[in-house]
Amino acid sequence: MSEVSEMDAARALLRWHLEMGVDETVAPAPADFYAWQAPQTGGQSANAPARRGAAPRLDAVKAEAQAVPAAPAAPETVSTDEAIRAAETAAAACDSFEALDAAVKAFEGCPLKAGAKNTVFTDGVPGSDLLVIGEAPGRDEDRLGKPFVGRAGQLLDRMLAAIGRARTENVLISNVIFWRPPANRTPTALETAVCRPFVDRLIELTGPKAVLIAGGAPLQALLGVTGIMRARGVWREIETASGARFPALPTYHPAFLLRQPAGKRLAWADLQSLDQKLKGR
């Protein structure tokens, strides 16, 4: 068997990163290794550019690193408890959906915001009798600033249309996290705890007849229940910070259904149950 070339290995690594959702660099711009200067060796001047394709020598790397000014110290971050208290105060002060939308966009207590392009709060019609709550924004959502706009969002739209629902008419859609986690990872318990006061206030202000919980992460964040396989299709209640209770139905996340189409039969049963609840039957 022939050995894999370095170029083939690099392409394979790049494909793997893309499949894992790593689609952007951490630094503002990529490092130009060819711009580094080679050390003085033999007849080559220390100021002459390194031969294209040649790896920079260790002493050249050290010299380059020493020439770069030290980055300013990062600002002191607040603790999770302080961030939660700030979110509770900001959410409680909102007496309308518009005020809450502005408060979420102005909130700086969630560390995910620093790495996100946009705040992704809601899409749809505020005050609709159906509120759908998912997990967190993905790449497309982060780019456009709206929840559920990628392939999973397109499937969600078709699912809702099957029971006469549309985000442009009678559905409001949100997530338990409003900023994209790196590489689309699952949000941590601390991240969801920081955003939870805003989710509670959203439910209280919009007063839906039912909340459709899409996926295991929002199931655990809102109900403290694990295991979407067992929990889906069973009506429960979300209790907000003020003590208000709202009917909630867990179901599979559309992204899961894209990977496991066999689950669509159970998701359809959940949608029928949701439809009956919204019609008061």
Protein backbone atom coordinates (compact mmCIF):
# COMPACT_ATOMS: atom_id res chain seq x y z
CA MET A 1 0.00 0.00 0.00
CA SER A 2 1.41 3.40 -1.01
CA GLU A 3 2.01 5.95 1.69
CA VAL A 4 -0.45 8.87 2.01
CA SER A 5 1.14 12.13 0.89
CA GLU A 6 1.21 15.15 3.18
CA MET A 7 -1.17 16.96 0.85
CA ASP A 8 -3.70 14.08 0.98
CA ALA A 9 -3.47 14.02 4.77
CA ALA A 10 -4.02 17.77 4.93
CA ARG A 11 -7.08 17.55 2.68
CA ALA A 12 -8.51 14.72 4.80
CA LEU A 13 -7.99 16.75 7.97
CA LEU A 14 -9.68 19.78 6.38
CA ARG A 15 -12.69 17.68 5.32
CA TRP A 16 -12.98 16.28 8.86
CA HIS A 17 -12.92 19.77 10.37
CA LEU A 18 -15.68 20.92 8.02
CA GLU A 19 -17.82 17.89 8.87
CA MET A 20 -17.36 18.67 12.58
CA GLY A 21 -18.58 22.23 12.02
CA VAL A 22 -15.20 23.98 12.31
CA ASP A 23 -15.62 26.50 9.53
CA GLU A 24 -13.71 29.54 10.76
CA THR A 25 -10.36 30.42 12.33
CA VAL A 26 -9.91 31.74 15.83
CA ALA A 27 -7.58 34.56 14.79
CA PRO A 28 -8.90 37.48 12.71
CA ALA A 29 -6.64 36.39 9.79
CA PRO A 30 -4.63 33.25 8.94
CA ALA A 31 -0.91 33.27 9.66
CA ASP A 32 1.30 33.63 6.58
CA PHE A 33 4.15 31.23 7.21
CA TYR A 34 5.83 32.20 3.93
CA ALA A 35 6.16 35.80 5.10
CA TRP A 36 8.52 34.76 7.89
CA GLN A 37 12.16 35.58 7.34
CA ALA A 38 14.84 32.94 7.37
CA PRO A 39 17.84 33.27 9.73
CA GLN A 40 21.25 34.14 8.30
CA THR A 41 22.84 30.90 7.12
CA GLY A 42 25.62 30.42 4.58
CA GLY A 43 25.34 32.94 1.79
CA GLN A 44 21.70 33.84 2.44
CA SER A 45 20.94 37.17 4.08
CA ALA A 46 18.95 37.22 7.31
CA ASN A 47 16.58 39.68 5.67
CA ALA A 48 15.97 37.53 2.59
CA PRO A 49 12.59 35.80 2.47
CA ALA A 50 12.52 32.10 3.19
CA ARG A 51 12.34 29.77 0.19
CA ARG A 52 8.67 29.15 -0.66
CA GLY A 53 7.59 25.81 0.69
CA ALA A 54 10.43 25.52 3.23
CA ALA A 55 9.48 25.13 6.87
CA PRO A 56 10.60 28.04 9.07
CA ARG A 57 13.51 27.27 11.40
CA LEU A 58 12.89 27.28 15.17
CA ASP A 59 15.12 30.31 15.79
CA ALA A 60 13.20 32.25 13.12
CA VAL A 61 9.92 31.33 14.80
CA LYS A 62 11.23 32.53 18.17
CA ALA A 63 12.44 35.81 16.68
CA GLU A 64 9.09 36.40 15.01
CA ALA A 65 7.22 35.66 18.24
CA GLN A 66 9.40 38.08 20.20
CA ALA A 67 8.77 40.81 17.64
CA VAL A 68 5.00 40.59 18.02
CA PRO A 69 3.64 42.96 20.70
CA ALA A 70 2.06 41.25 23.67
CA ALA A 71 -1.72 41.08 23.49
CA PRO A 72 -3.55 43.24 26.04
CA ALA A 73 -4.82 41.45 29.09
CA ALA A 74 -8.33 40.10 28.72
CA PRO A 75 -10.97 42.01 30.66
CA GLU A 76 -12.06 40.48 33.91
CA THR A 77 -15.08 38.27 33.35
CA VAL A 78 -18.03 37.99 35.69
CA SER A 79 -18.81 34.75 37.46
CA THR A 80 -21.66 32.54 36.33
CA ASP A 81 -23.69 33.47 39.43
CA GLU A 82 -23.25 37.16 38.66
CA ALA A 83 -24.22 36.59 35.02
CA ILE A 84 -27.37 34.72 36.06
CA ARG A 85 -28.35 37.49 38.47
CA ALA A 86 -27.77 40.07 35.74
CA ALA A 87 -29.94 38.06 33.35
CA GLU A 88 -32.69 37.73 35.98
CA THR A 89 -32.65 41.49 36.61
CA ALA A 90 -32.69 42.35 32.91
CA ALA A 91 -35.45 39.86 32.10
CA ALA A 92 -37.66 40.90 35.02
CA ALA A 93 -37.47 44.54 33.91
CA CYS A 94 -39.01 43.73 30.52
CA ASP A 95 -42.75 44.35 30.22
CA SER A 96 -43.05 43.63 26.49
CA PHE A 97 -41.65 41.31 23.86
CA GLU A 98 -39.87 44.23 22.21
CA ALA A 99 -38.15 45.18 25.48
CA LEU A 100 -37.09 41.58 26.01
CA ASP A 101 -35.70 41.33 22.48
CA ALA A 102 -33.61 44.44 23.09
CA ALA A 103 -32.44 43.18 26.50
CA VAL A 104 -31.24 39.86 25.06
CA LYS A 105 -29.30 41.60 22.29
CA ALA A 106 -27.68 43.96 24.80
CA PHE A 107 -26.78 41.22 27.31
CA GLU A 108 -23.05 40.55 27.70
CA GLY A 109 -23.10 37.89 30.42
CA CYS A 110 -22.92 34.79 28.20
CA PRO A 111 -19.35 34.01 27.03
CA LEU A 112 -20.68 32.45 23.81
CA LYS A 113 -21.57 35.92 22.54
CA ALA A 114 -17.90 36.84 22.05
CA GLY A 115 -17.47 34.15 19.38
CA ALA A 116 -20.81 34.56 17.63
CA LYS A 117 -21.65 36.70 14.61
CA ASN A 118 -25.24 37.44 15.67
CA THR A 119 -27.62 37.14 18.58
CA VAL A 120 -30.28 34.59 17.58
CA PHE A 121 -33.37 35.16 19.71
CA THR A 122 -36.66 34.50 17.94
CA ASP A 123 -38.39 34.18 14.60
CA GLY A 124 -42.10 34.13 13.92
CA VAL A 125 -45.12 35.87 15.41
CA PRO A 126 -44.92 36.98 19.07
CA GLY A 127 -48.09 36.05 20.95
CA SER A 128 -48.78 32.94 18.87
CA ASP A 129 -50.44 30.10 20.73
CA LEU A 130 -47.53 27.80 19.79
CA LEU A 131 -43.96 28.40 20.95
CA VAL A 132 -41.21 26.09 19.64
CA ILE A 133 -37.98 25.98 21.66
CA GLY A 134 -34.88 24.27 20.31
CA GLU A 135 -31.27 23.96 21.41
CA ALA A 136 -28.90 26.58 20.00
CA PRO A 137 -28.02 28.36 16.76
CA GLY A 138 -25.93 26.59 14.14
CA ARG A 139 -23.81 28.05 11.38
CA ASP A 140 -26.71 29.22 9.18
CA GLU A 141 -28.61 30.61 12.16
CA ASP A 142 -25.56 32.50 13.40
CA ARG A 143 -25.01 33.95 9.93
CA LEU A 144 -28.62 35.10 9.44
CA GLY A 145 -29.55 35.91 13.04
CA LYS A 146 -32.68 33.70 13.03
CA PRO A 147 -33.36 30.30 14.65
CA PHE A 148 -34.03 27.16 12.60
CA VAL A 149 -33.10 28.37 9.11
CA GLY A 150 -30.77 25.54 8.03
CA ARG A 151 -31.72 22.06 6.86
CA ALA A 152 -33.22 21.25 10.27
CA GLY A 153 -35.24 24.45 10.13
CA GLN A 154 -36.59 23.59 6.71
CA LEU A 155 -37.73 20.21 8.04
CA LEU A 156 -39.31 21.94 11.06
CA ASP A 157 -41.26 24.20 8.70
CA ARG A 158 -42.60 21.15 6.83
CA MET A 159 -43.53 19.45 10.10
CA LEU A 160 -45.43 22.51 11.30
CA ALA A 161 -47.13 22.91 7.92
CA ALA A 162 -48.49 19.38 8.29
CA ILE A 163 -50.67 20.65 11.17
CA GLY A 164 -51.52 23.98 9.59
CA ARG A 165 -48.79 26.02 11.22
CA ALA A 166 -46.24 28.50 9.85
CA ARG A 167 -43.72 30.81 11.47
CA THR A 168 -45.05 33.67 9.36
CA GLU A 169 -48.59 33.23 10.73
CA ASN A 170 -49.09 31.40 14.01
CA VAL A 171 -45.80 30.12 15.47
CA LEU A 172 -42.97 31.70 17.46
CA ILE A 173 -39.59 29.93 17.43
CA SER A 174 -36.65 30.31 19.82
CA ASN A 175 -33.85 28.34 21.54
CA VAL A 176 -32.53 27.88 25.06
CA ILE A 177 -29.23 29.44 23.89
CA PHE A 178 -29.06 32.62 21.80
CA TRP A 179 -25.45 32.44 20.56
CA ARG A 180 -23.76 29.71 18.56
CA PRO A 181 -21.52 27.38 20.59
CA PRO A 182 -18.11 26.68 19.03
CA ALA A 183 -18.24 23.88 16.43
CA ASN A 184 -21.97 23.45 17.18
CA ARG A 185 -21.25 21.61 20.42
CA THR A 186 -24.02 20.96 22.94
CA PRO A 187 -24.52 23.95 25.29
CA THR A 188 -23.24 23.48 28.83
CA ALA A 189 -25.50 23.57 31.88
CA LEU A 190 -23.94 26.90 32.92
CA GLU A 191 -24.60 28.46 29.52
CA THR A 192 -28.25 27.41 29.56
CA ALA A 193 -28.58 28.64 33.16
CA VAL A 194 -27.41 32.11 32.11
CA CYS A 195 -29.97 32.27 29.28
CA ARG A 196 -32.83 30.65 31.22
CA PRO A 197 -34.24 33.89 32.76
CA PHE A 198 -34.77 35.25 29.26
CA VAL A 199 -36.45 32.02 28.11
CA ASP A 200 -38.79 32.11 31.12
CA ARG A 201 -39.68 35.73 30.45
CA LEU A 202 -40.28 34.98 26.78
CA ILE A 203 -42.78 32.28 27.74
CA GLU A 204 -44.49 34.56 30.27
CA LEU A 205 -44.77 37.54 27.93
CA THR A 206 -46.02 35.57 24.90
CA GLY A 207 -48.32 33.23 26.87
CA PRO A 208 -48.51 30.27 24.45
CA LYS A 209 -51.14 27.56 24.72
CA ALA A 210 -48.38 25.00 24.26
CA VAL A 211 -44.59 24.81 24.06
CA LEU A 212 -43.01 22.29 21.69
CA ILE A 213 -39.61 21.29 23.09
CA ALA A 214 -37.39 20.13 20.22
CA GLY A 215 -34.58 17.89 21.40
CA GLY A 216 -32.79 16.58 24.45
CA ALA A 217 -30.82 19.74 25.36
CA PRO A 218 -33.90 21.99 25.79
CA LEU A 219 -35.70 19.10 27.50
CA GLN A 220 -33.04 19.04 30.21
CA ALA A 221 -32.71 22.83 30.35
CA LEU A 222 -36.43 23.53 30.74
CA LEU A 223 -37.74 20.46 32.55
CA GLY A 224 -34.67 18.94 34.19
CA VAL A 225 -35.42 15.66 32.41
CA THR A 226 -32.91 13.56 30.48
CA GLY A 227 -33.59 11.02 27.75
CA ILE A 228 -35.58 12.38 24.82
CA MET A 229 -36.30 8.83 23.62
CA ARG A 230 -38.39 8.13 26.73
CA ALA A 231 -39.69 11.65 27.31
CA ARG A 232 -40.97 12.48 23.83
CA GLY A 233 -44.71 12.42 23.30
CA VAL A 234 -45.52 12.86 27.03
CA TRP A 235 -47.14 16.15 28.03
CA ARG A 236 -45.46 17.97 30.91
CA GLU A 237 -45.41 21.50 32.33
CA ILE A 238 -42.76 24.19 32.25
CA GLU A 239 -42.70 26.25 35.44
CA THR A 240 -41.16 29.70 35.01
CA ALA A 241 -39.38 31.71 37.67
CA SER A 242 -42.63 33.51 38.57
CA GLY A 243 -44.40 30.18 39.18
CA ALA A 244 -46.49 30.28 35.99
CA ARG A 245 -47.04 26.92 34.32
CA PHE A 246 -47.34 26.15 30.62
CA PRO A 247 -48.09 22.83 28.84
CA ALA A 248 -45.02 21.45 27.08
CA LEU A 249 -44.55 18.54 24.70
CA PRO A 250 -41.05 17.14 24.07
CA THR A 251 -40.29 15.73 20.62
CA TYR A 252 -37.27 14.88 18.50
CA HIS A 253 -35.13 17.69 17.18
CA PRO A 254 -35.44 18.00 13.38
CA ALA A 255 -31.66 17.55 13.08
CA PHE A 256 -32.04 14.13 14.71
CA LEU A 257 -34.78 13.24 12.23
CA LEU A 258 -32.49 14.12 9.34
CA ARG A 259 -30.02 11.54 10.67
CA GLN A 260 -32.66 9.03 11.75
CA PRO A 261 -35.64 9.24 9.35
CA ALA A 262 -37.30 6.27 11.08
CA GLY A 263 -38.10 8.62 13.96
CA LYS A 264 -40.44 10.69 11.78
CA ARG A 265 -43.32 8.31 12.51
CA LEU A 266 -43.10 9.06 16.24
CA ALA A 267 -42.57 12.77 15.58
CA TRP A 268 -45.78 12.78 13.49
CA ALA A 269 -47.66 11.25 16.43
CA ASP A 270 -46.29 14.06 18.63
CA LEU A 271 -47.45 16.69 16.13
CA GLN A 272 -50.94 15.22 16.07
CA SER A 273 -51.06 15.35 19.87
CA LEU A 274 -49.85 18.97 19.72
CA ASP A 275 -52.53 19.83 17.17
CA GLN A 276 -55.26 18.38 19.40
CA LYS A 277 -54.00 20.37 22.39
CA LEU A 278 -53.95 23.63 20.44
CA LYS A 279 -57.49 22.98 19.21
CA GLY A 280 -58.66 22.36 22.77
CA ARG A 281 -59.57 18.72 22.23
